[in-house]
């Protein structure tokens, strides 16, 4: 029996990229252009020279406007600050474009809700760039966690990008680690321990934040967040505790390059089949709702 061809085999998904900053160049443009599931069709940014620089290595079209970008693609990837994404993503959804969204969906809960509502009303495919979700090690950990009776957990997401360099961008420095790193870690805790029902915080979002989460099943978890510590490399670690030996997830030994082909494959398959992805705009809104409920002691 012949194998069923992948839904994008003959026609890669034509993706337009909004944004031309460091993350757009380092990840979005490079990954979307690598194919075979997708093709980087066009790039638009408010700075035309930056868009030209991002598009040039892949011979992608440089769009003169956001509207022109929408005319040249069937899906749109966003690599812009949350406020810009919240402004433009609903317009793309209303034009019937699938959307590849960054986290957080918006700068606040109301903006995130506008994005998620627009996606739902248009009935388009959406997917979040929660990077770690696409690594095989993460999927293996979450699979094991489904049968692990956790009574407590501790976790951290630490890096030093806010100390300087091209990723110390304005919105990250303004809002700190809670808005930038919080969605990643809360997503992992919520998925591995159980739905989060409450969050208390201490510390300073711009330097170090400590979260204590209560979960629907009665478990309690803790999360440390900082983008302003001089660690040798970014560190994400989750430890689940219960009646069995601890279940540990640690990114120290994984190659993050393994995330991108999975992300691209999942997105292209969802677009071509019209199948919703589990890590979509609804998940993004849920995570933003958790962030909105954080209260500082």
Foldseek 3Di string as FASTA:
>chain_A
DDDDDFLQVVPAFEEEEEDQAPCCQVAVLVLQCVDPNHHDAEYEYPDQVSRCVSCVVRVHHYDPDPVRSLVGGQAYEYDDALAVQLVCLLVSLQSVHEYEYEPQNHPALVSLVSNLVSNVVSLHAFAYPLLVCQAPLLVVLLVVLVPDQFQEKEKEKEAAPCVDDRPVDDVCQVQAFCRPVVLNQQVSCCSRHHHWDAWEWEDDRNAKIKIWTAHPVGHIYIYIYHNRDHDPGIWIKMWTDDPDPIRIDICPPPDSVSRSVRVSSVVSSCRSVVPYDPRGSVSSSVSSVRSNRYHYD
